[in-house]
Protein backbone atom coordinates (compact mmCIF):
# COMPACT_ATOMS: atom_id res chain seq x y z
CA UNK A 1 58.58 41.54 23.36
CA UNK A 2 60.41 38.36 23.94
CA UNK A 3 63.24 37.00 21.89
CA UNK A 4 63.80 33.26 21.26
CA UNK A 5 67.03 31.92 19.80
CA UNK A 6 67.30 28.58 18.75
CA UNK A 7 69.32 25.98 16.44
CA UNK A 8 67.10 24.34 13.99
CA UNK A 9 67.66 21.23 11.43
CA UNK A 10 66.34 21.18 8.08
CA UNK A 11 67.62 24.40 6.25
CA UNK A 12 69.82 23.66 3.47
CA UNK A 13 69.78 26.74 1.51
CA UNK A 14 68.66 30.39 1.46
CA UNK A 15 65.19 29.18 0.00
CA UNK A 16 64.71 26.97 3.05
CA UNK A 17 65.59 29.72 5.36
CA UNK A 18 63.01 32.03 3.71
CA UNK A 19 60.33 29.15 3.96
CA UNK A 20 60.90 29.00 7.61
CA UNK A 21 60.75 32.76 8.16
CA UNK A 22 57.48 32.70 6.19
CA UNK A 23 55.92 29.78 8.20
CA UNK A 24 56.97 31.30 11.29
CA UNK A 25 55.66 35.05 10.69
CA UNK A 26 52.34 33.70 9.54
CA UNK A 27 51.66 32.81 13.21
CA UNK A 28 49.98 35.53 15.10
CA UNK A 29 52.33 35.67 18.15
CA UNK A 30 55.46 36.21 16.00
CA UNK A 31 56.48 39.74 15.08
CA UNK A 32 59.55 38.75 12.91
CA UNK A 33 61.87 35.73 12.30
CA UNK A 34 65.46 35.65 11.10
CA UNK A 35 66.78 32.23 10.03
CA UNK A 36 70.25 31.63 8.95
CA UNK A 37 70.84 28.10 6.98
CA UNK A 38 74.53 28.35 7.30
CA UNK A 39 74.62 28.23 11.11
CA UNK A 40 71.19 26.72 11.53
CA UNK A 41 70.21 29.84 13.61
CA UNK A 42 66.65 31.25 14.12
CA UNK A 43 65.61 34.26 16.01
CA UNK A 44 62.05 34.97 16.76
CA UNK A 45 60.80 38.14 18.12
CA UNK A 46 57.40 37.33 19.73
CA UNK A 47 54.60 39.87 20.27
CA UNK A 48 52.76 37.44 22.40
CA UNK A 49 54.03 34.41 24.70
CA UNK A 50 54.53 31.42 22.93
CA UNK A 51 55.84 28.18 24.50
CA UNK A 52 58.90 26.32 23.32
CA UNK A 53 56.79 23.30 22.63
CA UNK A 54 54.45 25.57 20.50
CA UNK A 55 57.29 26.78 18.58
CA UNK A 56 58.78 23.50 18.16
CA UNK A 57 55.36 22.11 16.94
CA UNK A 58 55.04 24.85 14.35
CA UNK A 59 58.62 24.29 12.89
CA UNK A 60 57.74 20.43 12.76
CA UNK A 61 54.71 21.27 10.89
CA UNK A 62 56.73 23.60 8.27
CA UNK A 63 59.30 20.61 7.69
CA UNK A 64 62.20 21.71 10.36
CA UNK A 65 63.36 20.37 13.61
CA UNK A 66 64.45 22.42 16.83
CA UNK A 67 67.83 21.01 17.88
CA UNK A 68 68.07 23.21 20.83
CA UNK A 69 66.74 26.66 22.51
CA UNK A 70 69.54 28.74 23.25
């Protein structure tokens, strides 16, 4: 399993974090997602390969913006 760590803009509250987690966990490549609105961090556990571009696009479609992949 691959882990992706990133900083994401657009999370203002715990509700935003939960919405982001649901959107990402709905993707077939994602095993789990942890999002923290306080430090804007997101950790994805992938069960299949997923490019940074595909992750960015999925987050954009959910209303969030990747600032950086760490």
